[in-house]
Amino acid sequence: VLMLKSGVHATLAGVITAFCIPLTDRS
């Protein structure tokens, strides 16, 4: 939502979020 409002193309938020998903978690 914030990227959409900022003028940066909002679909890039999908890529950024994906890179914040860990390959492995604590378990």
PDB file of all heavy atoms in Angstrom:
ATOM      1  N   VAL A   1       0.831  -1.204   0.000  1.00  0.00           N
ATOM      2  CA  VAL A   1       0.000   0.000   0.000  1.00  0.00           C
ATOM      3  C   VAL A   1       0.867   1.258   0.000  1.00  0.00           C
ATOM      4  O   VAL A   1       0.642   2.198  -0.775  1.00  0.00           O
ATOM      5  CB  VAL A   1      -0.959   0.012   1.209  1.00  0.00           C
ATOM      6  CG1 VAL A   1      -1.698   1.346   1.303  1.00  0.00           C
ATOM      7  CG2 VAL A   1      -1.960  -1.141   1.116  1.00  0.00           C
ATOM      8  N   LEU A   2       1.876   1.273   0.847  1.00  0.00           N
ATOM      9  CA  LEU A   2       2.735   2.454   0.960  1.00  0.00           C
ATOM     10  C   LEU A   2       3.549   2.689  -0.310  1.00  0.00           C
ATOM     11  O   LEU A   2       3.743   3.833  -0.734  1.00  0.00           O
ATOM     12  CB  LEU A   2       3.661   2.316   2.171  1.00  0.00           C
ATOM     13  CG  LEU A   2       2.961   2.350   3.536  1.00  0.00           C
ATOM     14  CD1 LEU A   2       3.940   2.019   4.657  1.00  0.00           C
ATOM     15  CD2 LEU A   2       2.317   3.720   3.776  1.00  0.00           C
ATOM     16  N   MET A   3       4.019   1.611  -0.941  1.00  0.00           N
ATOM     17  CA  MET A   3       4.766   1.766  -2.185  1.00  0.00           C
ATOM     18  C   MET A   3       3.843   2.222  -3.308  1.00  0.00           C
ATOM     19  O   MET A   3       4.237   3.019  -4.173  1.00  0.00           O
ATOM     20  CB  MET A   3       5.477   0.458  -2.549  1.00  0.00           C
ATOM     21  CG  MET A   3       6.615   0.101  -1.601  1.00  0.00           C
ATOM     22  SD  MET A   3       7.604  -1.312  -2.133  1.00  0.00           S
ATOM     23  CE  MET A   3       8.510  -0.623  -3.499  1.00  0.00           C
ATOM     24  N   LEU A   4       2.609   1.711  -3.314  1.00  0.00           N
ATOM     25  CA  LEU A   4       1.628   2.155  -4.302  1.00  0.00           C
ATOM     26  C   LEU A   4       1.386   3.658  -4.177  1.00  0.00           C
ATOM     27  O   LEU A   4       1.348   4.389  -5.169  1.00  0.00           O
ATOM     28  CB  LEU A   4       0.319   1.388  -4.107  1.00  0.00           C
ATOM     29  CG  LEU A   4      -0.802   1.672  -5.111  1.00  0.00           C
ATOM     30  CD1 LEU A   4      -0.427   1.161  -6.489  1.00  0.00           C
ATOM     31  CD2 LEU A   4      -2.107   1.033  -4.648  1.00  0.00           C
ATOM     32  N   LYS A   5       1.250   4.128  -2.942  1.00  0.00           N
ATOM     33  CA  LYS A   5       1.013   5.553  -2.688  1.00  0.00           C
ATOM     34  C   LYS A   5       2.260   6.396  -2.973  1.00  0.00           C
ATOM     35  O   LYS A   5       2.156   7.577  -3.297  1.00  0.00           O
ATOM     36  CB  LYS A   5       0.593   5.759  -1.227  1.00  0.00           C
ATOM     37  CG  LYS A   5      -0.766   5.171  -0.868  1.00  0.00           C
ATOM     38  CD  LYS A   5      -1.885   6.010  -1.435  1.00  0.00           C
ATOM     39  CE  LYS A   5      -3.238   5.583  -0.905  1.00  0.00           C
ATOM     40  NZ  LYS A   5      -4.321   6.445  -1.445  1.00  0.00           N
ATOM     41  N   SER A   6       3.449   5.782  -2.857  1.00  0.00           N
ATOM     42  CA  SER A   6       4.694   6.549  -3.008  1.00  0.00           C
ATOM     43  C   SER A   6       5.046   6.839  -4.461  1.00  0.00           C
ATOM     44  O   SER A   6       5.839   7.732  -4.747  1.00  0.00           O
ATOM     45  CB  SER A   6       5.857   5.788  -2.357  1.00  0.00           C
ATOM     46  OG  SER A   6       6.233   4.680  -3.166  1.00  0.00           O
ATOM     47  N   GLY A   7       4.481   6.049  -5.386  1.00  0.00           N
ATOM     48  CA  GLY A   7       4.831   6.206  -6.796  1.00  0.00           C
ATOM     49  C   GLY A   7       5.746   5.128  -7.311  1.00  0.00           C
ATOM     50  O   GLY A   7       5.857   4.920  -8.519  1.00  0.00           O
ATOM     51  N   VAL A   8       6.431   4.413  -6.414  1.00  0.00           N
ATOM     52  CA  VAL A   8       7.230   3.244  -6.817  1.00  0.00           C
ATOM     53  C   VAL A   8       6.258   2.129  -7.173  1.00  0.00           C
ATOM     54  O   VAL A   8       5.256   1.934  -6.489  1.00  0.00           O
ATOM     55  CB  VAL A   8       8.157   2.783  -5.674  1.00  0.00           C
ATOM     56  CG1 VAL A   8       8.901   1.509  -6.065  1.00  0.00           C
ATOM     57  CG2 VAL A   8       9.148   3.882  -5.331  1.00  0.00           C
ATOM     58  N   HIS A   9       6.555   1.401  -8.262  1.00  0.00           N
ATOM     59  CA  HIS A   9       5.556   0.415  -8.675  1.00  0.00           C
ATOM     60  C   HIS A   9       5.332  -0.629  -7.589  1.00  0.00           C
ATOM     61  O   HIS A   9       6.270  -1.248  -7.092  1.00  0.00           O
ATOM     62  CB  HIS A   9       5.936  -0.267  -9.990  1.00  0.00           C
ATOM     63  CG  HIS A   9       4.738  -0.850 -10.666  1.00  0.00           C
ATOM     64  ND1 HIS A   9       4.273  -2.101 -10.393  1.00  0.00           N
ATOM     65  CD2 HIS A   9       3.858  -0.304 -11.534  1.00  0.00           C
ATOM     66  CE1 HIS A   9       3.180  -2.328 -11.096  1.00  0.00           C
ATOM     67  NE2 HIS A   9       2.906  -1.256 -11.794  1.00  0.00           N
ATOM     68  N   ALA A  10       4.067  -0.822  -7.231  1.00  0.00           N
ATOM     69  CA  ALA A  10       3.714  -1.591  -6.039  1.00  0.00           C
ATOM     70  C   ALA A  10       4.089  -3.064  -6.132  1.00  0.00           C
ATOM     71  O   ALA A  10       4.280  -3.721  -5.103  1.00  0.00           O
ATOM     72  CB  ALA A  10       2.222  -1.450  -5.759  1.00  0.00           C
ATOM     73  N   THR A  11       4.175  -3.617  -7.345  1.00  0.00           N
ATOM     74  CA  THR A  11       4.510  -5.037  -7.464  1.00  0.00           C
ATOM     75  C   THR A  11       5.896  -5.342  -6.904  1.00  0.00           C
ATOM     76  O   THR A  11       6.173  -6.486  -6.522  1.00  0.00           O
ATOM     77  CB  THR A  11       4.453  -5.479  -8.935  1.00  0.00           C
ATOM     78  OG1 THR A  11       5.230  -4.577  -9.725  1.00  0.00           O
ATOM     79  CG2 THR A  11       3.027  -5.495  -9.452  1.00  0.00           C
ATOM     80  N   LEU A  12       6.759  -4.333  -6.844  1.00  0.00           N
ATOM     81  CA  LEU A  12       8.092  -4.544  -6.280  1.00  0.00           C
ATOM     82  C   LEU A  12       8.026  -4.910  -4.800  1.00  0.00           C
ATOM     83  O   LEU A  12       8.950  -5.525  -4.268  1.00  0.00           O
ATOM     84  CB  LEU A  12       8.953  -3.294  -6.474  1.00  0.00           C
ATOM     85  CG  LEU A  12       9.221  -2.884  -7.926  1.00  0.00           C
ATOM     86  CD1 LEU A  12      10.005  -1.593  -7.981  1.00  0.00           C
ATOM     87  CD2 LEU A  12       9.947  -3.991  -8.668  1.00  0.00           C
ATOM     88  N   ALA A  13       6.930  -4.526  -4.139  1.00  0.00           N
ATOM     89  CA  ALA A  13       6.748  -4.908  -2.737  1.00  0.00           C
ATOM     90  C   ALA A  13       6.709  -6.428  -2.601  1.00  0.00           C
ATOM     91  O   ALA A  13       7.138  -6.976  -1.579  1.00  0.00           O
ATOM     92  CB  ALA A  13       5.471  -4.297  -2.171  1.00  0.00           C
ATOM     93  N   GLY A  14       6.204  -7.117  -3.621  1.00  0.00           N
ATOM     94  CA  GLY A  14       6.174  -8.574  -3.592  1.00  0.00           C
ATOM     95  C   GLY A  14       7.562  -9.161  -3.560  1.00  0.00           C
ATOM     96  O   GLY A  14       7.850 -10.090  -2.796  1.00  0.00           O
ATOM     97  N   VAL A  15       8.469  -8.619  -4.389  1.00  0.00           N
ATOM     98  CA  VAL A  15       9.849  -9.110  -4.428  1.00  0.00           C
ATOM     99  C   VAL A  15      10.559  -8.825  -3.110  1.00  0.00           C
ATOM    100  O   VAL A  15      11.249  -9.688  -2.555  1.00  0.00           O
ATOM    101  CB  VAL A  15      10.615  -8.453  -5.594  1.00  0.00           C
ATOM    102  CG1 VAL A  15      12.060  -8.947  -5.633  1.00  0.00           C
ATOM    103  CG2 VAL A  15       9.925  -8.748  -6.917  1.00  0.00           C
ATOM    104  N   ILE A  16      10.383  -7.604  -2.599  1.00  0.00           N
ATOM    105  CA  ILE A  16      11.039  -7.219  -1.344  1.00  0.00           C
ATOM    106  C   ILE A  16      10.562  -8.105  -0.197  1.00  0.00           C
ATOM    107  O   ILE A  16      11.372  -8.577   0.620  1.00  0.00           O
ATOM    108  CB  ILE A  16      10.760  -5.731  -1.036  1.00  0.00           C
ATOM    109  CG1 ILE A  16      11.426  -4.848  -2.095  1.00  0.00           C
ATOM    110  CG2 ILE A  16      11.269  -5.367   0.360  1.00  0.00           C
ATOM    111  CD1 ILE A  16      11.012  -3.400  -2.015  1.00  0.00           C
ATOM    112  N   THR A  17       9.259  -8.353  -0.127  1.00  0.00           N
ATOM    113  CA  THR A  17       8.712  -9.217   0.932  1.00  0.00           C
ATOM    114  C   THR A  17       9.272 -10.625   0.824  1.00  0.00           C
ATOM    115  O   THR A  17       9.622 -11.255   1.836  1.00  0.00           O
ATOM    116  CB  THR A  17       7.176  -9.255   0.852  1.00  0.00           C
ATOM    117  OG1 THR A  17       6.661  -7.924   0.948  1.00  0.00           O
ATOM    118  CG2 THR A  17       6.589 -10.100   1.979  1.00  0.00           C
ATOM    119  N   ALA A  18       9.388 -11.127  -0.412  1.00  0.00           N
ATOM    120  CA  ALA A  18       9.917 -12.483  -0.620  1.00  0.00           C
ATOM    121  C   ALA A  18      11.331 -12.615  -0.077  1.00  0.00           C
ATOM    122  O   ALA A  18      11.692 -13.638   0.521  1.00  0.00           O
ATOM    123  CB  ALA A  18       9.872 -12.830  -2.104  1.00  0.00           C
ATOM    124  N   PHE A  19      12.152 -11.590  -0.258  1.00  0.00           N
ATOM    125  CA  PHE A  19      13.534 -11.646   0.212  1.00  0.00           C
ATOM    126  C   PHE A  19      13.624 -11.533   1.735  1.00  0.00           C
ATOM    127  O   PHE A  19      14.690 -11.756   2.308  1.00  0.00           O
ATOM    128  CB  PHE A  19      14.375 -10.563  -0.466  1.00  0.00           C
ATOM    129  CG  PHE A  19      14.971 -11.012  -1.766  1.00  0.00           C
ATOM    130  CD1 PHE A  19      14.198 -11.047  -2.917  1.00  0.00           C
ATOM    131  CD2 PHE A  19      16.279 -11.428  -1.846  1.00  0.00           C
ATOM    132  CE1 PHE A  19      14.732 -11.477  -4.121  1.00  0.00           C
ATOM    133  CE2 PHE A  19      16.830 -11.863  -3.038  1.00  0.00           C
ATOM    134  CZ  PHE A  19      16.050 -11.897  -4.191  1.00  0.00           C
ATOM    135  N   CYS A  20      12.507 -11.205   2.380  1.00  0.00           N
ATOM    136  CA  CYS A  20      12.463 -11.174   3.846  1.00  0.00           C
ATOM    137  C   CYS A  20      11.939 -12.483   4.434  1.00  0.00           C
ATOM    138  O   CYS A  20      11.814 -12.615   5.656  1.00  0.00           O
ATOM    139  CB  CYS A  20      11.587 -10.009   4.323  1.00  0.00           C
ATOM    140  SG  CYS A  20      12.258  -8.375   3.935  1.00  0.00           S
ATOM    141  N   ILE A  21      11.634 -13.448   3.580  1.00  0.00           N
ATOM    142  CA  ILE A  21      11.203 -14.775   4.042  1.00  0.00           C
ATOM    143  C   ILE A  21      12.446 -15.627   4.256  1.00  0.00           C
ATOM    144  O   ILE A  21      13.231 -15.841   3.327  1.00  0.00           O
ATOM    145  CB  ILE A  21      10.268 -15.452   3.012  1.00  0.00           C
ATOM    146  CG1 ILE A  21       9.035 -14.582   2.740  1.00  0.00           C
ATOM    147  CG2 ILE A  21       9.856 -16.828   3.499  1.00  0.00           C
ATOM    148  CD1 ILE A  21       8.150 -14.351   3.922  1.00  0.00           C
ATOM    149  N   PRO A  22      12.680 -16.134   5.475  1.00  0.00           N
ATOM    150  CA  PRO A  22      13.913 -16.909   5.735  1.00  0.00           C
ATOM    151  C   PRO A  22      13.892 -18.275   5.065  1.00  0.00           C
ATOM    152  O   PRO A  22      12.828 -18.892   4.923  1.00  0.00           O
ATOM    153  CB  PRO A  22      13.917 -17.037   7.259  1.00  0.00           C
ATOM    154  CG  PRO A  22      12.490 -16.900   7.671  1.00  0.00           C
ATOM    155  CD  PRO A  22      11.849 -15.970   6.684  1.00  0.00           C
ATOM    156  N   LEU A  23      15.072 -18.724   4.656  1.00  0.00           N
ATOM    157  CA  LEU A  23      15.184 -20.076   4.094  1.00  0.00           C
ATOM    158  C   LEU A  23      14.903 -21.115   5.161  1.00  0.00           C
ATOM    159  O   LEU A  23      14.228 -22.120   4.906  1.00  0.00           O
ATOM    160  CB  LEU A  23      16.578 -20.283   3.496  1.00  0.00           C
ATOM    161  CG  LEU A  23      16.834 -21.638   2.841  1.00  0.00           C
ATOM    162  CD1 LEU A  23      15.911 -21.855   1.651  1.00  0.00           C
ATOM    163  CD2 LEU A  23      18.297 -21.756   2.413  1.00  0.00           C
ATOM    164  N   THR A  24      15.415 -20.882   6.382  1.00  0.00           N
ATOM    165  CA  THR A  24      15.139 -21.770   7.509  1.00  0.00           C
ATOM    166  C   THR A  24      14.785 -20.929   8.728  1.00  0.00           C
ATOM    167  O   THR A  24      15.329 -19.842   8.920  1.00  0.00           O
ATOM    168  CB  THR A  24      16.359 -22.658   7.844  1.00  0.00           C
ATOM    169  OG1 THR A  24      17.497 -21.828   8.074  1.00  0.00           O
ATOM    170  CG2 THR A  24      16.654 -23.621   6.705  1.00  0.00           C
ATOM    171  N   ASP A  25      13.865 -21.456   9.564  1.00  0.00           N
ATOM    172  CA  ASP A  25      13.497 -20.743  10.783  1.00  0.00           C
ATOM    173  C   ASP A  25      14.181 -21.384  11.994  1.00  0.00           C
ATOM    174  O   ASP A  25      15.044 -22.253  11.846  1.00  0.00           O
ATOM    175  CB  ASP A  25      11.970 -20.720  10.962  1.00  0.00           C
ATOM    176  CG  ASP A  25      11.363 -22.122  11.029  1.00  0.00           C
ATOM    177  OD1 ASP A  25      12.092 -23.070  11.385  1.00  0.00           O
ATOM    178  OD2 ASP A  25      10.166 -22.276  10.734  1.00  0.00           O
ATOM    179  N   ARG A  26      13.796 -20.957  13.182  1.00  0.00           N
ATOM    180  CA  ARG A  26      14.444 -21.462  14.407  1.00  0.00           C
ATOM    181  C   ARG A  26      14.266 -22.960  14.589  1.00  0.00           C
ATOM    182  O   ARG A  26      15.084 -23.630  15.212  1.00  0.00           O
ATOM    183  CB  ARG A  26      13.874 -20.729  15.634  1.00  0.00           C
ATOM    184  CG  ARG A  26      14.327 -19.284  15.751  1.00  0.00           C
ATOM    185  CD  ARG A  26      13.992 -18.730  17.124  1.00  0.00           C
ATOM    186  NE  ARG A  26      12.567 -18.758  17.393  1.00  0.00           N
ATOM    187  CZ  ARG A  26      11.774 -17.703  17.283  1.00  0.00           C
ATOM    188  NH1 ARG A  26      12.265 -16.536  16.911  1.00  0.00           N
ATOM    189  NH2 ARG A  26      10.479 -17.803  17.564  1.00  0.00           N
ATOM    190  N   SER A  27      13.176 -23.503  14.047  1.00  0.00           N
ATOM    191  CA  SER A  27      12.911 -24.935  14.228  1.00  0.00           C
ATOM    192  C   SER A  27      13.573 -25.792  13.159  1.00  0.00           C
ATOM    193  O   SER A  27      13.452 -27.019  13.166  1.00  0.00           O
ATOM    194  CB  SER A  27      11.397 -25.180  14.201  1.00  0.00           C
ATOM    195  OG  SER A  27      10.860 -24.848  12.928  1.00  0.00           O
TER     196      SER A  27
END
